[in-house]
Amino acid sequence: MVSIEDILISDDIFDKKFVCDLNKCKGGCCVEGDAGAPITRDEANLIEDLYPILKPYLTPEAIELIEEDGAYTFDDEFDIVTPTINGGICVYGYYDQNGMVKCAIEQAYYDGKTDYKKPISCHLFPIRVVENENFHALNYEPQPSLCSPACTLGESLKVPVYKFLKEPLIRKYGEEFYEDLEYTAEEYYNNKNNPQA
């Protein structure tokens, strides 16, 4: 574990390699899991406001669930989360013609209808962030079977987790943090490769 100010970063984020292989996993992280995507209070309010824009992208089951129960829900472990349909796919997910799960929020973003890309927890996956008043802890938590193709692709391309997730890390913590993270990674690799130096 290394730290940049009050942000703790797991060694795995430097050591492990990862590149999403959507042709193999089919976006399964939007389906599998113990709950919907964790979201902040601000994100919950924003997604609620975006619902009229998102509605044309959503399945009838998702629309019914959101209009009956709301745009977000609560979970004992993760606090505010996106709802899921029968404990499976996120209400904001849908299957395209190739059987791949797409995100309605992200599609609306690509269509120029919002500048909000998707929940930051989704964007950062497989990094999970634990936050409290004193620190943030960044942990590498892929889903073992689902993400094994991404781990294999990452290894073959030699892309460490922190490089693959450059965009969401900057989105969450800013450019300066990411520059510090790159510098920290260089120091980490130097110390690892030259332990006696």
C-alpha atoms as a PDB file:
ATOM      1  CA  MET A   1       0.000   0.000   0.000  1.00  0.00           C
ATOM      2  CA  VAL A   2       1.292   3.463  -0.903  1.00  0.00           C
ATOM      3  CA  SER A   3      -0.217   6.855  -0.135  1.00  0.00           C
ATOM      4  CA  ILE A   4      -0.606  10.164  -1.943  1.00  0.00           C
ATOM      5  CA  GLU A   5      -1.708  12.635   0.728  1.00  0.00           C
ATOM      6  CA  ASP A   6      -4.872  11.085   2.225  1.00  0.00           C
ATOM      7  CA  ILE A   7      -5.414   8.566  -0.598  1.00  0.00           C
ATOM      8  CA  LEU A   8      -4.182   5.021   0.038  1.00  0.00           C
ATOM      9  CA  ILE A   9      -3.441   2.966  -3.069  1.00  0.00           C
ATOM     10  CA  SER A  10      -3.195  -0.819  -3.122  1.00  0.00           C
ATOM     11  CA  ASP A  11       0.011  -2.252  -4.608  1.00  0.00           C
ATOM     12  CA  ASP A  12      -2.208  -4.293  -6.938  1.00  0.00           C
ATOM     13  CA  ILE A  13      -3.114  -1.109  -8.823  1.00  0.00           C
ATOM     14  CA  PHE A  14       0.529  -0.914  -9.922  1.00  0.00           C
ATOM     15  CA  ASP A  15       1.269  -4.646 -10.109  1.00  0.00           C
ATOM     16  CA  LYS A  16      -1.825  -6.068 -11.803  1.00  0.00           C
ATOM     17  CA  LYS A  17      -2.601  -5.687 -15.490  1.00  0.00           C
ATOM     18  CA  PHE A  18      -6.129  -5.066 -16.765  1.00  0.00           C
ATOM     19  CA  VAL A  19      -7.886  -4.057 -20.008  1.00  0.00           C
ATOM     20  CA  CYS A  20     -11.631  -4.674 -20.366  1.00  0.00           C
ATOM     21  CA  ASP A  21     -12.358  -7.290 -23.019  1.00  0.00           C
ATOM     22  CA  LEU A  22     -15.990  -6.509 -23.773  1.00  0.00           C
ATOM     23  CA  ASN A  23     -16.177  -9.094 -26.551  1.00  0.00           C
ATOM     24  CA  LYS A  24     -15.617 -11.776 -23.898  1.00  0.00           C
ATOM     25  CA  CYS A  25     -17.353 -10.406 -20.770  1.00  0.00           C
ATOM     26  CA  LYS A  26     -20.258  -8.717 -22.633  1.00  0.00           C
ATOM     27  CA  GLY A  27     -20.478  -5.998 -19.970  1.00  0.00           C
ATOM     28  CA  GLY A  28     -21.318  -8.518 -17.272  1.00  0.00           C
ATOM     29  CA  CYS A  29     -20.230  -6.178 -14.469  1.00  0.00           C
ATOM     30  CA  CYS A  30     -23.548  -4.348 -15.050  1.00  0.00           C
ATOM     31  CA  VAL A  31     -25.390  -7.592 -14.274  1.00  0.00           C
ATOM     32  CA  GLU A  32     -23.411  -9.498 -11.649  1.00  0.00           C
ATOM     33  CA  GLY A  33     -22.814  -8.311  -8.112  1.00  0.00           C
ATOM     34  CA  ASP A  34     -24.370  -8.039  -4.669  1.00  0.00           C
ATOM     35  CA  ALA A  35     -26.186  -4.762  -5.425  1.00  0.00           C
ATOM     36  CA  GLY A  36     -26.533  -2.049  -8.041  1.00  0.00           C
ATOM     37  CA  ALA A  37     -23.745   0.444  -8.704  1.00  0.00           C
ATOM     38  CA  PRO A  38     -22.792   2.535  -5.658  1.00  0.00           C
ATOM     39  CA  ILE A  39     -23.555   6.204  -6.301  1.00  0.00           C
ATOM     40  CA  THR A  40     -23.089   9.426  -4.358  1.00  0.00           C
ATOM     41  CA  ARG A  41     -25.968  11.594  -3.188  1.00  0.00           C
ATOM     42  CA  ASP A  42     -25.097  14.139  -5.903  1.00  0.00           C
ATOM     43  CA  GLU A  43     -25.102  11.390  -8.541  1.00  0.00           C
ATOM     44  CA  ALA A  44     -28.437  10.075  -7.268  1.00  0.00           C
ATOM     45  CA  ASN A  45     -30.004  13.523  -7.616  1.00  0.00           C
ATOM     46  CA  LEU A  46     -28.455  14.000 -11.065  1.00  0.00           C
ATOM     47  CA  ILE A  47     -29.632  10.606 -12.345  1.00  0.00           C
ATOM     48  CA  GLU A  48     -33.121  11.386 -11.042  1.00  0.00           C
ATOM     49  CA  ASP A  49     -33.071  14.685 -12.960  1.00  0.00           C
ATOM     50  CA  LEU A  50     -31.780  12.904 -16.086  1.00  0.00           C
ATOM     51  CA  TYR A  51     -34.549  10.299 -16.062  1.00  0.00           C
ATOM     52  CA  PRO A  52     -36.630  11.932 -18.849  1.00  0.00           C
ATOM     53  CA  ILE A  53     -33.521  11.916 -21.073  1.00  0.00           C
ATOM     54  CA  LEU A  54     -32.648   8.322 -20.136  1.00  0.00           C
ATOM     55  CA  LYS A  55     -36.148   6.891 -20.460  1.00  0.00           C
ATOM     56  CA  PRO A  56     -36.050   6.269 -24.254  1.00  0.00           C
ATOM     57  CA  TYR A  57     -32.965   4.056 -23.749  1.00  0.00           C
ATOM     58  CA  LEU A  58     -34.478   1.952 -20.976  1.00  0.00           C
ATOM     59  CA  THR A  59     -36.308  -1.363 -21.091  1.00  0.00           C
ATOM     60  CA  PRO A  60     -40.012  -1.498 -20.156  1.00  0.00           C
ATOM     61  CA  GLU A  61     -39.089  -3.424 -16.973  1.00  0.00           C
ATOM     62  CA  ALA A  62     -36.607  -0.728 -15.981  1.00  0.00           C
ATOM     63  CA  ILE A  63     -39.106   2.077 -16.631  1.00  0.00           C
ATOM     64  CA  GLU A  64     -41.757   0.335 -14.543  1.00  0.00           C
ATOM     65  CA  LEU A  65     -39.325  -0.239 -11.667  1.00  0.00           C
ATOM     66  CA  ILE A  66     -37.993   3.331 -11.664  1.00  0.00           C
ATOM     67  CA  GLU A  67     -41.465   4.872 -11.873  1.00  0.00           C
ATOM     68  CA  GLU A  68     -42.708   2.677  -9.026  1.00  0.00           C
ATOM     69  CA  ASP A  69     -39.679   2.702  -6.703  1.00  0.00           C
ATOM     70  CA  GLY A  70     -37.477   5.609  -7.789  1.00  0.00           C
ATOM     71  CA  ALA A  71     -34.256   6.275  -9.709  1.00  0.00           C
ATOM     72  CA  TYR A  72     -32.052   4.891  -6.913  1.00  0.00           C
ATOM     73  CA  THR A  73     -32.335   2.717  -3.837  1.00  0.00           C
ATOM     74  CA  PHE A  74     -30.467   1.935  -0.620  1.00  0.00           C
ATOM     75  CA  ASP A  75     -28.220  -0.965   0.340  1.00  0.00           C
ATOM     76  CA  ASP A  76     -26.924  -1.891   3.808  1.00  0.00           C
ATOM     77  CA  GLU A  77     -23.345  -2.287   2.584  1.00  0.00           C
ATOM     78  CA  PHE A  78     -23.046   0.278  -0.231  1.00  0.00           C
ATOM     79  CA  ASP A  79     -25.555   2.959   0.896  1.00  0.00           C
ATOM     80  CA  ILE A  80     -27.084   4.585  -2.234  1.00  0.00           C
ATOM     81  CA  VAL A  81     -27.085   2.322  -5.310  1.00  0.00           C
ATOM     82  CA  THR A  82     -28.747   2.048  -8.696  1.00  0.00           C
ATOM     83  CA  PRO A  83     -31.727  -0.324  -8.638  1.00  0.00           C
ATOM     84  CA  THR A  84     -31.485  -3.742 -10.268  1.00  0.00           C
ATOM     85  CA  ILE A  85     -34.105  -5.834 -12.017  1.00  0.00           C
ATOM     86  CA  ASN A  86     -34.767  -8.940  -9.912  1.00  0.00           C
ATOM     87  CA  GLY A  87     -31.287  -8.740  -8.403  1.00  0.00           C
ATOM     88  CA  GLY A  88     -29.656  -8.871 -11.843  1.00  0.00           C
ATOM     89  CA  ILE A  89     -29.032  -6.220 -14.483  1.00  0.00           C
ATOM     90  CA  CYS A  90     -28.855  -2.569 -13.438  1.00  0.00           C
ATOM     91  CA  VAL A  91     -32.004  -0.653 -14.425  1.00  0.00           C
ATOM     92  CA  TYR A  92     -29.825   1.628 -16.544  1.00  0.00           C
ATOM     93  CA  GLY A  93     -28.398  -1.308 -18.489  1.00  0.00           C
ATOM     94  CA  TYR A  94     -29.798  -2.853 -21.648  1.00  0.00           C
ATOM     95  CA  TYR A  95     -28.711  -5.556 -24.092  1.00  0.00           C
ATOM     96  CA  ASP A  96     -27.729  -4.526 -27.617  1.00  0.00           C
ATOM     97  CA  GLN A  97     -28.241  -6.675 -30.717  1.00  0.00           C
ATOM     98  CA  ASN A  98     -24.995  -8.546 -29.975  1.00  0.00           C
ATOM     99  CA  GLY A  99     -26.007  -9.481 -26.451  1.00  0.00           C
ATOM    100  CA  MET A 100     -23.656  -6.937 -24.896  1.00  0.00           C
ATOM    101  CA  VAL A 101     -24.830  -4.864 -21.946  1.00  0.00           C
ATOM    102  CA  LYS A 102     -24.749  -1.137 -22.627  1.00  0.00           C
ATOM    103  CA  CYS A 103     -25.308   1.708 -20.164  1.00  0.00           C
ATOM    104  CA  ALA A 104     -28.192   4.055 -20.953  1.00  0.00           C
ATOM    105  CA  ILE A 105     -26.464   6.890 -19.107  1.00  0.00           C
ATOM    106  CA  GLU A 106     -23.272   6.418 -21.087  1.00  0.00           C
ATOM    107  CA  GLN A 107     -25.169   6.144 -24.373  1.00  0.00           C
ATOM    108  CA  ALA A 108     -26.983   9.411 -23.629  1.00  0.00           C
ATOM    109  CA  TYR A 109     -23.551  10.948 -22.955  1.00  0.00           C
ATOM    110  CA  TYR A 110     -22.196   9.690 -26.299  1.00  0.00           C
ATOM    111  CA  ASP A 111     -25.335  11.008 -28.000  1.00  0.00           C
ATOM    112  CA  GLY A 112     -24.585  14.484 -26.616  1.00  0.00           C
ATOM    113  CA  LYS A 113     -27.621  14.616 -24.336  1.00  0.00           C
ATOM    114  CA  THR A 114     -25.705  14.957 -21.039  1.00  0.00           C
ATOM    115  CA  ASP A 115     -22.167  15.724 -19.904  1.00  0.00           C
ATOM    116  CA  TYR A 116     -22.449  13.061 -17.161  1.00  0.00           C
ATOM    117  CA  LYS A 117     -20.813   9.888 -18.476  1.00  0.00           C
ATOM    118  CA  LYS A 118     -21.829   7.304 -15.866  1.00  0.00           C
ATOM    119  CA  PRO A 119     -21.500   6.689 -12.122  1.00  0.00           C
ATOM    120  CA  ILE A 120     -17.897   7.114 -11.042  1.00  0.00           C
ATOM    121  CA  SER A 121     -17.960   3.707  -9.318  1.00  0.00           C
ATOM    122  CA  CYS A 122     -18.723   2.098 -12.707  1.00  0.00           C
ATOM    123  CA  HIS A 123     -16.095   4.185 -14.483  1.00  0.00           C
ATOM    124  CA  LEU A 124     -13.433   3.219 -11.922  1.00  0.00           C
ATOM    125  CA  PHE A 125     -14.189  -0.518 -11.888  1.00  0.00           C
ATOM    126  CA  PRO A 126     -12.241  -2.758 -11.081  1.00  0.00           C
ATOM    127  CA  ILE A 127     -10.966  -0.186  -8.562  1.00  0.00           C
ATOM    128  CA  ARG A 128     -13.261   0.081  -5.570  1.00  0.00           C
ATOM    129  CA  VAL A 129     -12.964   3.145  -3.336  1.00  0.00           C
ATOM    130  CA  VAL A 130     -13.548   3.019   0.409  1.00  0.00           C
ATOM    131  CA  GLU A 131     -14.092   6.539   1.736  1.00  0.00           C
ATOM    132  CA  ASN A 132     -14.256   7.940   5.240  1.00  0.00           C
ATOM    133  CA  GLU A 133     -13.575  11.304   6.831  1.00  0.00           C
ATOM    134  CA  ASN A 134      -9.815  10.727   7.062  1.00  0.00           C
ATOM    135  CA  PHE A 135      -8.826   8.894   3.896  1.00  0.00           C
ATOM    136  CA  HIS A 136      -9.803   7.204   0.648  1.00  0.00           C
ATOM    137  CA  ALA A 137      -8.553   3.659   0.020  1.00  0.00           C
ATOM    138  CA  LEU A 138      -8.269   2.465  -3.588  1.00  0.00           C
ATOM    139  CA  ASN A 139      -8.419  -1.319  -3.914  1.00  0.00           C
ATOM    140  CA  TYR A 140      -8.226  -3.560  -6.965  1.00  0.00           C
ATOM    141  CA  GLU A 141     -11.287  -5.847  -6.890  1.00  0.00           C
ATOM    142  CA  PRO A 142     -12.048  -7.534 -10.232  1.00  0.00           C
ATOM    143  CA  GLN A 143     -14.724 -10.216 -10.363  1.00  0.00           C
ATOM    144  CA  PRO A 144     -12.588 -13.374 -10.683  1.00  0.00           C
ATOM    145  CA  SER A 145     -14.435 -15.347 -13.370  1.00  0.00           C
ATOM    146  CA  LEU A 146     -16.026 -12.407 -15.180  1.00  0.00           C
ATOM    147  CA  CYS A 147     -12.827 -10.348 -15.380  1.00  0.00           C
ATOM    148  CA  SER A 148     -10.345 -13.107 -16.222  1.00  0.00           C
ATOM    149  CA  PRO A 149     -10.378 -12.151 -19.952  1.00  0.00           C
ATOM    150  CA  ALA A 150      -9.584  -8.529 -18.956  1.00  0.00           C
ATOM    151  CA  CYS A 151      -6.687  -9.712 -16.795  1.00  0.00           C
ATOM    152  CA  THR A 152      -5.378 -11.861 -19.655  1.00  0.00           C
ATOM    153  CA  LEU A 153      -5.695  -8.988 -22.165  1.00  0.00           C
ATOM    154  CA  GLY A 154      -4.064  -6.572 -19.733  1.00  0.00           C
ATOM    155  CA  GLU A 155      -1.125  -8.950 -19.263  1.00  0.00           C
ATOM    156  CA  SER A 156      -0.680  -9.418 -23.009  1.00  0.00           C
ATOM    157  CA  LEU A 157      -0.766  -5.630 -23.580  1.00  0.00           C
ATOM    158  CA  LYS A 158       1.267  -4.915 -20.401  1.00  0.00           C
ATOM    159  CA  VAL A 159      -1.202  -2.262 -19.173  1.00  0.00           C
ATOM    160  CA  PRO A 160      -1.270  -1.770 -15.393  1.00  0.00           C
ATOM    161  CA  VAL A 161      -4.598  -1.021 -13.728  1.00  0.00           C
ATOM    162  CA  TYR A 162      -3.782   2.635 -13.003  1.00  0.00           C
ATOM    163  CA  LYS A 163      -2.974   3.306 -16.685  1.00  0.00           C
ATOM    164  CA  PHE A 164      -6.126   1.600 -17.922  1.00  0.00           C
ATOM    165  CA  LEU A 165      -8.175   3.739 -15.535  1.00  0.00           C
ATOM    166  CA  LYS A 166      -6.442   7.053 -16.223  1.00  0.00           C
ATOM    167  CA  GLU A 167      -9.615   8.858 -17.351  1.00  0.00           C
ATOM    168  CA  PRO A 168     -11.810   7.962 -14.347  1.00  0.00           C
ATOM    169  CA  LEU A 169      -8.950   8.507 -11.880  1.00  0.00           C
ATOM    170  CA  ILE A 170      -8.508  12.029 -13.265  1.00  0.00           C
ATOM    171  CA  ARG A 171     -12.272  12.517 -13.218  1.00  0.00           C
ATOM    172  CA  LYS A 172     -12.394  11.511  -9.538  1.00  0.00           C
ATOM    173  CA  TYR A 173      -9.194  13.062  -8.165  1.00  0.00           C
ATOM    174  CA  GLY A 174      -7.874  15.502 -10.791  1.00  0.00           C
ATOM    175  CA  GLU A 175      -4.876  15.843 -13.125  1.00  0.00           C
ATOM    176  CA  GLU A 176      -2.411  16.678 -10.353  1.00  0.00           C
ATOM    177  CA  PHE A 177      -3.284  13.518  -8.442  1.00  0.00           C
ATOM    178  CA  TYR A 178      -2.765  11.417 -11.564  1.00  0.00           C
ATOM    179  CA  GLU A 179       0.620  13.023 -12.221  1.00  0.00           C
ATOM    180  CA  ASP A 180       1.576  12.187  -8.629  1.00  0.00           C
ATOM    181  CA  LEU A 181       0.273   8.664  -9.168  1.00  0.00           C
ATOM    182  CA  GLU A 182       2.485   8.196 -12.254  1.00  0.00           C
ATOM    183  CA  TYR A 183       5.504   9.460 -10.324  1.00  0.00           C
ATOM    184  CA  THR A 184       4.641   7.160  -7.407  1.00  0.00           C
ATOM    185  CA  ALA A 185       4.337   4.242  -9.829  1.00  0.00           C
ATOM    186  CA  GLU A 186       7.830   4.925 -11.223  1.00  0.00           C
ATOM    187  CA  GLU A 187       9.262   5.018  -7.698  1.00  0.00           C
ATOM    188  CA  TYR A 188       7.346   1.855  -6.824  1.00  0.00           C
ATOM    189  CA  TYR A 189       8.710  -0.056  -9.825  1.00  0.00           C
ATOM    190  CA  ASN A 190      12.247   1.228  -9.206  1.00  0.00           C
ATOM    191  CA  ASN A 191      12.158   0.097  -5.588  1.00  0.00           C
ATOM    192  CA  LYS A 192      10.647  -3.234  -6.530  1.00  0.00           C
ATOM    193  CA  ASN A 193      13.225  -3.921  -9.254  1.00  0.00           C
ATOM    194  CA  ASN A 194      16.164  -2.611  -7.217  1.00  0.00           C
ATOM    195  CA  PRO A 195      15.354  -3.509  -3.612  1.00  0.00           C
ATOM    196  CA  GLN A 196      18.946  -2.877  -2.447  1.00  0.00           C
ATOM    197  CA  ALA A 197      19.273   0.509  -4.164  1.00  0.00           C
END
